[in-house]
């Protein structure tokens, strides 16, 4: 990233989850955001992964004109279930629209394009870690 840190993202989707059942409109405050930055991050640190933070990749990091180089190749936007039986829809951390009455977040479609849906929908989770370069 711009700070010289490493961004790691799982190659596979790990589990299914809604982002949130309470219509939070900031990913960091959602149930999934809270889980990834607390319990899940502690489990990864305990397994020897020295991550400083854990969350999800954003729509801009994956689909914008300034996307991370890894995602410039469409194949890298497609993720499979853990057994590689099928490609999955998985959540991105970006909110669709702050003005809507319910929280809608973007997701990556199983063919590698983006769309959005209600945060209470169960899609897969492909965690994103930041590891300090220092």
N, C-alpha and C. Protein backbone atom coordinates (compact mmCIF):
# COMPACT_ATOMS: atom_id res chain seq x y z
N UNK A 1 0.83 -1.19 0.00
CA UNK A 1 0.00 0.00 0.00
C UNK A 1 0.87 1.25 0.00
N UNK A 2 0.26 2.41 0.07
CA UNK A 2 1.01 3.67 0.00
C UNK A 2 1.93 3.89 1.18
N UNK A 3 1.75 3.14 2.27
CA UNK A 3 2.61 3.27 3.45
C UNK A 3 3.74 2.25 3.47
N UNK A 4 3.82 1.43 2.43
CA UNK A 4 4.86 0.41 2.38
C UNK A 4 4.49 -0.88 3.10
N UNK A 5 3.26 -0.98 3.58
CA UNK A 5 2.81 -2.20 4.24
C UNK A 5 2.36 -3.21 3.20
N UNK A 6 2.25 -4.44 3.61
CA UNK A 6 1.78 -5.51 2.74
C UNK A 6 0.30 -5.73 2.96
N UNK A 7 -0.46 -5.83 1.88
CA UNK A 7 -1.87 -6.19 1.96
C UNK A 7 -1.97 -7.63 1.49
N UNK A 8 -2.50 -8.48 2.34
CA UNK A 8 -2.70 -9.89 2.01
C UNK A 8 -4.19 -10.18 1.98
N UNK A 9 -4.61 -10.93 1.00
CA UNK A 9 -6.01 -11.33 0.92
C UNK A 9 -6.05 -12.83 0.67
N UNK A 10 -6.96 -13.50 1.34
CA UNK A 10 -7.08 -14.93 1.15
C UNK A 10 -7.42 -15.24 -0.30
N UNK A 11 -6.86 -16.30 -0.83
CA UNK A 11 -7.15 -16.74 -2.18
C UNK A 11 -8.54 -17.37 -2.25
N UNK A 12 -8.98 -17.97 -1.15
CA UNK A 12 -10.28 -18.62 -1.07
C UNK A 12 -11.20 -17.86 -0.13
N UNK A 13 -12.48 -18.06 -0.30
CA UNK A 13 -13.45 -17.56 0.67
C UNK A 13 -13.46 -18.53 1.84
N UNK A 14 -13.55 -18.00 3.06
CA UNK A 14 -13.41 -18.85 4.24
C UNK A 14 -14.71 -19.28 4.88
N UNK A 15 -15.70 -18.40 4.91
CA UNK A 15 -16.98 -18.75 5.55
C UNK A 15 -18.06 -17.82 5.02
N UNK A 16 -19.31 -18.16 5.30
CA UNK A 16 -20.44 -17.33 4.91
C UNK A 16 -20.89 -16.49 6.08
N UNK A 17 -21.35 -15.27 5.78
CA UNK A 17 -21.84 -14.38 6.82
C UNK A 17 -22.59 -13.21 6.20
N UNK A 18 -23.54 -12.68 6.94
CA UNK A 18 -24.09 -11.37 6.60
C UNK A 18 -23.05 -10.34 7.06
N UNK A 19 -23.06 -9.17 6.48
CA UNK A 19 -22.19 -8.10 7.00
C UNK A 19 -22.78 -7.60 8.31
N UNK A 20 -24.11 -7.40 8.31
CA UNK A 20 -24.72 -6.80 9.48
C UNK A 20 -26.22 -7.02 9.46
N UNK A 21 -26.80 -7.18 10.63
CA UNK A 21 -28.25 -7.33 10.76
C UNK A 21 -28.89 -6.07 11.33
N UNK A 22 -28.09 -5.06 11.65
CA UNK A 22 -28.59 -3.86 12.31
C UNK A 22 -28.52 -2.61 11.44
N UNK A 23 -28.28 -2.75 10.16
CA UNK A 23 -28.22 -1.63 9.22
C UNK A 23 -27.18 -0.58 9.57
N UNK A 24 -26.03 -1.01 10.09
CA UNK A 24 -24.90 -0.09 10.29
C UNK A 24 -24.42 0.35 8.91
N UNK A 25 -23.97 1.56 8.80
CA UNK A 25 -23.55 2.07 7.50
C UNK A 25 -22.06 2.40 7.44
N UNK A 26 -21.31 1.87 8.37
CA UNK A 26 -19.84 1.92 8.34
C UNK A 26 -19.35 0.51 8.58
N UNK A 27 -18.56 -0.02 7.64
CA UNK A 27 -18.14 -1.42 7.75
C UNK A 27 -17.49 -1.71 9.10
N UNK A 28 -16.66 -0.79 9.59
CA UNK A 28 -15.94 -1.01 10.84
C UNK A 28 -16.89 -1.26 12.01
N UNK A 29 -18.11 -0.75 11.92
CA UNK A 29 -19.08 -0.87 13.01
C UNK A 29 -20.04 -2.05 12.84
N UNK A 30 -19.98 -2.72 11.70
CA UNK A 30 -20.88 -3.85 11.45
C UNK A 30 -20.47 -5.06 12.29
N UNK A 31 -21.37 -6.01 12.38
CA UNK A 31 -21.06 -7.24 13.11
C UNK A 31 -19.88 -7.97 12.49
N UNK A 32 -19.83 -8.07 11.18
CA UNK A 32 -18.71 -8.74 10.52
C UNK A 32 -17.41 -7.96 10.71
N UNK A 33 -17.47 -6.64 10.57
CA UNK A 33 -16.28 -5.81 10.77
C UNK A 33 -15.72 -5.96 12.17
N UNK A 34 -16.59 -5.98 13.17
CA UNK A 34 -16.16 -6.15 14.56
C UNK A 34 -15.53 -7.53 14.77
N UNK A 35 -16.13 -8.56 14.20
CA UNK A 35 -15.60 -9.92 14.34
C UNK A 35 -14.22 -10.05 13.70
N UNK A 36 -14.06 -9.52 12.49
CA UNK A 36 -12.78 -9.65 11.79
C UNK A 36 -11.65 -8.92 12.51
N UNK A 37 -11.93 -7.75 13.08
CA UNK A 37 -10.86 -6.99 13.71
C UNK A 37 -10.62 -7.42 15.16
N UNK A 38 -11.43 -8.33 15.70
CA UNK A 38 -11.20 -8.77 17.08
C UNK A 38 -10.92 -10.27 17.11
N UNK A 39 -11.93 -11.10 17.24
CA UNK A 39 -11.74 -12.54 17.39
C UNK A 39 -10.95 -13.16 16.25
N UNK A 40 -11.31 -12.83 15.02
CA UNK A 40 -10.65 -13.43 13.86
C UNK A 40 -9.19 -13.01 13.79
N UNK A 41 -8.92 -11.72 14.01
CA UNK A 41 -7.54 -11.22 13.99
C UNK A 41 -6.71 -11.88 15.08
N UNK A 42 -7.27 -12.03 16.27
CA UNK A 42 -6.54 -12.70 17.36
C UNK A 42 -6.22 -14.15 16.99
N UNK A 43 -7.16 -14.83 16.34
CA UNK A 43 -6.92 -16.22 15.92
C UNK A 43 -5.80 -16.28 14.88
N UNK A 44 -5.78 -15.35 13.94
CA UNK A 44 -4.73 -15.32 12.93
C UNK A 44 -3.37 -15.01 13.56
N UNK A 45 -3.35 -14.05 14.49
CA UNK A 45 -2.09 -13.74 15.19
C UNK A 45 -1.62 -14.96 15.96
N UNK A 46 -2.54 -15.68 16.59
CA UNK A 46 -2.20 -16.88 17.34
C UNK A 46 -1.66 -17.99 16.45
N UNK A 47 -2.04 -17.96 15.16
CA UNK A 47 -1.55 -18.95 14.20
C UNK A 47 -0.24 -18.51 13.55
N UNK A 48 0.33 -17.39 14.02
CA UNK A 48 1.63 -16.94 13.51
C UNK A 48 1.57 -15.93 12.38
N UNK A 49 0.39 -15.41 12.05
CA UNK A 49 0.28 -14.38 11.02
C UNK A 49 0.34 -13.03 11.72
N UNK A 50 1.42 -12.25 11.52
CA UNK A 50 1.63 -11.00 12.28
C UNK A 50 0.84 -9.82 11.72
N UNK A 51 -0.45 -10.00 11.50
CA UNK A 51 -1.28 -8.94 10.92
C UNK A 51 -1.58 -7.86 11.95
N UNK A 52 -1.61 -6.62 11.47
CA UNK A 52 -1.96 -5.49 12.32
C UNK A 52 -3.45 -5.20 12.28
N UNK A 53 -4.09 -5.51 11.17
CA UNK A 53 -5.52 -5.29 11.04
C UNK A 53 -6.12 -6.34 10.13
N UNK A 54 -7.42 -6.50 10.24
CA UNK A 54 -8.13 -7.46 9.40
C UNK A 54 -9.48 -6.86 9.04
N UNK A 55 -9.86 -6.99 7.81
CA UNK A 55 -11.15 -6.50 7.34
C UNK A 55 -11.46 -7.13 5.99
N UNK A 56 -12.05 -6.35 5.10
CA UNK A 56 -12.34 -6.80 3.75
C UNK A 56 -11.73 -5.82 2.75
N UNK A 57 -11.48 -6.28 1.56
CA UNK A 57 -10.98 -5.42 0.50
C UNK A 57 -12.10 -4.45 0.10
N UNK A 58 -11.77 -3.26 -0.31
CA UNK A 58 -12.79 -2.28 -0.70
C UNK A 58 -13.07 -2.37 -2.20
N UNK A 59 -14.19 -1.79 -2.61
CA UNK A 59 -14.54 -1.75 -4.03
C UNK A 59 -13.48 -0.98 -4.80
N UNK A 60 -12.99 0.14 -4.26
CA UNK A 60 -11.97 0.93 -4.96
C UNK A 60 -10.67 0.16 -5.12
N UNK A 61 -10.27 -0.60 -4.11
CA UNK A 61 -9.03 -1.37 -4.20
C UNK A 61 -9.13 -2.46 -5.26
N UNK A 62 -10.36 -2.88 -5.56
CA UNK A 62 -10.55 -3.98 -6.50
C UNK A 62 -11.00 -3.52 -7.89
N UNK A 63 -11.82 -2.49 -7.98
CA UNK A 63 -12.46 -2.17 -9.26
C UNK A 63 -12.21 -0.77 -9.81
N UNK A 64 -11.58 0.11 -9.08
CA UNK A 64 -11.42 1.49 -9.57
C UNK A 64 -10.26 1.61 -10.56
N UNK A 65 -10.11 2.80 -11.10
CA UNK A 65 -8.97 3.07 -11.99
C UNK A 65 -7.64 2.96 -11.24
N UNK A 66 -7.69 3.10 -9.92
CA UNK A 66 -6.50 2.99 -9.08
C UNK A 66 -6.50 1.70 -8.27
N UNK A 67 -7.08 0.65 -8.82
CA UNK A 67 -7.16 -0.64 -8.12
C UNK A 67 -5.75 -1.15 -7.82
N UNK A 68 -5.66 -1.98 -6.80
CA UNK A 68 -4.39 -2.64 -6.51
C UNK A 68 -3.98 -3.46 -7.73
N UNK A 69 -2.70 -3.46 -8.02
CA UNK A 69 -2.19 -4.11 -9.22
C UNK A 69 -2.68 -5.56 -9.34
N UNK A 70 -2.75 -6.27 -8.24
CA UNK A 70 -3.18 -7.68 -8.25
C UNK A 70 -4.57 -7.83 -8.87
N UNK A 71 -5.45 -6.86 -8.64
CA UNK A 71 -6.82 -6.98 -9.12
C UNK A 71 -7.03 -6.42 -10.52
N UNK A 72 -5.98 -5.95 -11.16
CA UNK A 72 -6.10 -5.52 -12.55
C UNK A 72 -6.37 -6.71 -13.46
N UNK A 73 -5.98 -7.90 -13.03
CA UNK A 73 -6.28 -9.14 -13.74
C UNK A 73 -7.62 -9.66 -13.22
N UNK A 74 -8.60 -9.77 -14.09
CA UNK A 74 -9.95 -10.16 -13.68
C UNK A 74 -9.98 -11.49 -12.94
N UNK A 75 -9.14 -12.42 -13.28
CA UNK A 75 -9.13 -13.73 -12.61
C UNK A 75 -8.88 -13.58 -11.11
N UNK A 76 -8.11 -12.60 -10.72
CA UNK A 76 -7.79 -12.42 -9.30
C UNK A 76 -8.95 -11.85 -8.50
N UNK A 77 -9.99 -11.37 -9.18
CA UNK A 77 -11.20 -10.91 -8.49
C UNK A 77 -12.17 -12.05 -8.22
N UNK A 78 -11.92 -13.21 -8.79
CA UNK A 78 -12.77 -14.38 -8.60
C UNK A 78 -12.18 -15.22 -7.48
N UNK A 79 -13.03 -15.63 -6.54
CA UNK A 79 -12.58 -16.48 -5.44
C UNK A 79 -13.49 -17.70 -5.35
N UNK A 80 -12.93 -18.78 -4.88
CA UNK A 80 -13.65 -20.04 -4.78
C UNK A 80 -13.88 -20.41 -3.32
N UNK A 81 -14.83 -21.32 -3.13
CA UNK A 81 -15.02 -21.86 -1.79
C UNK A 81 -13.76 -22.62 -1.41
N UNK A 82 -13.65 -23.01 -0.16
CA UNK A 82 -12.42 -23.63 0.33
C UNK A 82 -12.07 -24.92 -0.41
N UNK A 83 -13.07 -25.67 -0.87
CA UNK A 83 -12.82 -26.93 -1.59
C UNK A 83 -12.66 -26.73 -3.09
N UNK A 84 -12.75 -25.50 -3.56
CA UNK A 84 -12.66 -25.15 -4.97
C UNK A 84 -13.72 -25.85 -5.81
N UNK A 85 -14.91 -26.02 -5.21
CA UNK A 85 -16.02 -26.62 -5.94
C UNK A 85 -16.74 -25.61 -6.83
N UNK A 86 -16.75 -24.36 -6.43
CA UNK A 86 -17.46 -23.33 -7.19
C UNK A 86 -16.94 -21.94 -6.80
N UNK A 87 -17.11 -20.99 -7.72
CA UNK A 87 -16.74 -19.61 -7.42
C UNK A 87 -17.86 -18.98 -6.59
N UNK A 88 -17.49 -18.00 -5.76
CA UNK A 88 -18.40 -17.46 -4.76
C UNK A 88 -18.65 -15.97 -4.92
N UNK A 89 -19.80 -15.54 -4.48
CA UNK A 89 -20.06 -14.13 -4.22
C UNK A 89 -19.40 -13.85 -2.88
N UNK A 90 -18.66 -12.73 -2.75
CA UNK A 90 -18.08 -12.40 -1.45
C UNK A 90 -18.15 -10.89 -1.22
N UNK A 91 -18.24 -10.54 0.05
CA UNK A 91 -18.44 -9.16 0.47
C UNK A 91 -17.20 -8.29 0.24
N UNK A 92 -17.45 -7.02 -0.07
CA UNK A 92 -16.45 -5.96 -0.07
C UNK A 92 -16.81 -5.01 1.07
N UNK A 93 -15.88 -4.21 1.53
CA UNK A 93 -16.14 -3.35 2.69
C UNK A 93 -16.86 -2.04 2.35
N UNK A 94 -17.14 -1.80 1.08
CA UNK A 94 -17.68 -0.51 0.65
C UNK A 94 -19.20 -0.45 0.71
N UNK A 95 -19.69 0.60 1.36
CA UNK A 95 -21.12 0.88 1.43
C UNK A 95 -21.59 1.40 0.08
N UNK A 96 -22.79 0.97 -0.33
CA UNK A 96 -23.32 1.41 -1.62
C UNK A 96 -23.81 2.85 -1.58
N UNK A 97 -24.65 3.21 -0.60
CA UNK A 97 -25.25 4.53 -0.57
C UNK A 97 -25.68 4.88 0.85
N UNK A 98 -25.15 5.95 1.38
CA UNK A 98 -25.49 6.37 2.75
C UNK A 98 -26.92 6.85 2.88
N UNK A 99 -27.57 7.23 1.80
CA UNK A 99 -28.91 7.82 1.84
C UNK A 99 -30.03 6.78 1.88
N UNK A 100 -29.74 5.53 1.55
CA UNK A 100 -30.80 4.51 1.57
C UNK A 100 -31.20 4.20 3.00
N UNK A 101 -32.42 3.71 3.18
CA UNK A 101 -32.92 3.44 4.53
C UNK A 101 -32.27 2.21 5.16
N UNK A 102 -31.84 1.27 4.35
CA UNK A 102 -31.14 0.09 4.85
C UNK A 102 -29.70 0.12 4.34
N UNK A 103 -28.83 -0.61 5.01
CA UNK A 103 -27.43 -0.66 4.60
C UNK A 103 -27.26 -1.64 3.44
N UNK A 104 -26.69 -1.15 2.36
CA UNK A 104 -26.36 -1.96 1.20
C UNK A 104 -24.85 -1.87 1.00
N UNK A 105 -24.22 -3.03 0.85
CA UNK A 105 -22.77 -3.08 0.62
C UNK A 105 -22.49 -3.74 -0.72
N UNK A 106 -21.34 -3.40 -1.28
CA UNK A 106 -20.90 -4.03 -2.52
C UNK A 106 -20.38 -5.44 -2.24
N UNK A 107 -20.45 -6.27 -3.27
CA UNK A 107 -19.86 -7.60 -3.23
C UNK A 107 -19.24 -7.88 -4.58
N UNK A 108 -18.36 -8.85 -4.61
CA UNK A 108 -17.79 -9.31 -5.87
C UNK A 108 -18.58 -10.53 -6.31
N UNK A 109 -19.09 -10.46 -7.51
CA UNK A 109 -19.88 -11.54 -8.10
C UNK A 109 -18.98 -12.73 -8.38
N UNK A 110 -19.55 -13.89 -8.54
CA UNK A 110 -18.76 -15.10 -8.80
C UNK A 110 -18.02 -15.05 -10.13
N UNK A 111 -18.37 -14.10 -11.01
CA UNK A 111 -17.65 -13.96 -12.29
C UNK A 111 -16.68 -12.78 -12.26
N UNK A 112 -16.51 -12.13 -11.10
CA UNK A 112 -15.50 -11.10 -10.96
C UNK A 112 -15.95 -9.68 -11.24
N UNK A 113 -17.27 -9.42 -11.29
CA UNK A 113 -17.78 -8.05 -11.42
C UNK A 113 -18.36 -7.63 -10.07
N UNK A 114 -18.63 -6.33 -9.89
CA UNK A 114 -19.19 -5.89 -8.61
C UNK A 114 -20.68 -5.61 -8.75
N UNK A 115 -21.36 -5.76 -7.62
CA UNK A 115 -22.76 -5.40 -7.50
C UNK A 115 -22.99 -5.06 -6.03
N UNK A 116 -24.23 -4.85 -5.62
CA UNK A 116 -24.51 -4.53 -4.22
C UNK A 116 -25.81 -5.19 -3.79
N UNK A 117 -25.94 -5.40 -2.48
CA UNK A 117 -27.16 -5.97 -1.91
C UNK A 117 -27.24 -5.61 -0.44
N UNK A 118 -28.35 -5.96 0.18
CA UNK A 118 -28.59 -5.66 1.58
C UNK A 118 -27.58 -6.36 2.47
N UNK A 119 -27.11 -5.67 3.50
CA UNK A 119 -26.07 -6.18 4.39
C UNK A 119 -26.50 -7.41 5.18
N UNK A 120 -27.80 -7.72 5.21
CA UNK A 120 -28.26 -8.90 5.95
C UNK A 120 -28.21 -10.18 5.12
N UNK A 121 -27.78 -10.07 3.86
CA UNK A 121 -27.66 -11.24 2.99
C UNK A 121 -26.41 -12.04 3.37
N UNK A 122 -26.50 -13.35 3.33
CA UNK A 122 -25.33 -14.20 3.59
C UNK A 122 -24.55 -14.41 2.30
N UNK A 123 -23.34 -13.86 2.26
CA UNK A 123 -22.38 -14.12 1.19
C UNK A 123 -21.09 -14.58 1.85
N UNK A 124 -20.12 -14.95 1.02
CA UNK A 124 -18.85 -15.43 1.57
C UNK A 124 -17.96 -14.28 2.01
N UNK A 125 -16.96 -14.62 2.81
CA UNK A 125 -16.02 -13.66 3.36
C UNK A 125 -14.61 -14.05 2.92
N UNK A 126 -13.90 -13.09 2.34
CA UNK A 126 -12.52 -13.26 1.88
C UNK A 126 -11.68 -12.20 2.61
N UNK A 127 -11.19 -12.52 3.82
CA UNK A 127 -10.53 -11.51 4.65
C UNK A 127 -9.29 -10.88 4.00
N UNK A 128 -9.04 -9.65 4.43
CA UNK A 128 -7.91 -8.83 3.98
C UNK A 128 -7.11 -8.44 5.22
N UNK A 129 -5.80 -8.65 5.17
CA UNK A 129 -4.91 -8.32 6.27
C UNK A 129 -3.92 -7.24 5.85
N UNK A 130 -3.46 -6.47 6.82
CA UNK A 130 -2.35 -5.55 6.60
C UNK A 130 -1.23 -5.98 7.53
N UNK A 131 -0.03 -6.16 6.96
CA UNK A 131 1.16 -6.54 7.72
C UNK A 131 2.19 -5.46 7.49
N UNK A 132 2.73 -4.93 8.58
CA UNK A 132 3.71 -3.86 8.50
C UNK A 132 4.98 -4.32 7.82
N UNK A 133 5.52 -3.47 6.94
CA UNK A 133 6.76 -3.79 6.23
C UNK A 133 7.97 -3.61 7.12
N UNK A 134 7.81 -2.96 8.26
CA UNK A 134 8.94 -2.69 9.14
C UNK A 134 9.15 -3.81 10.12
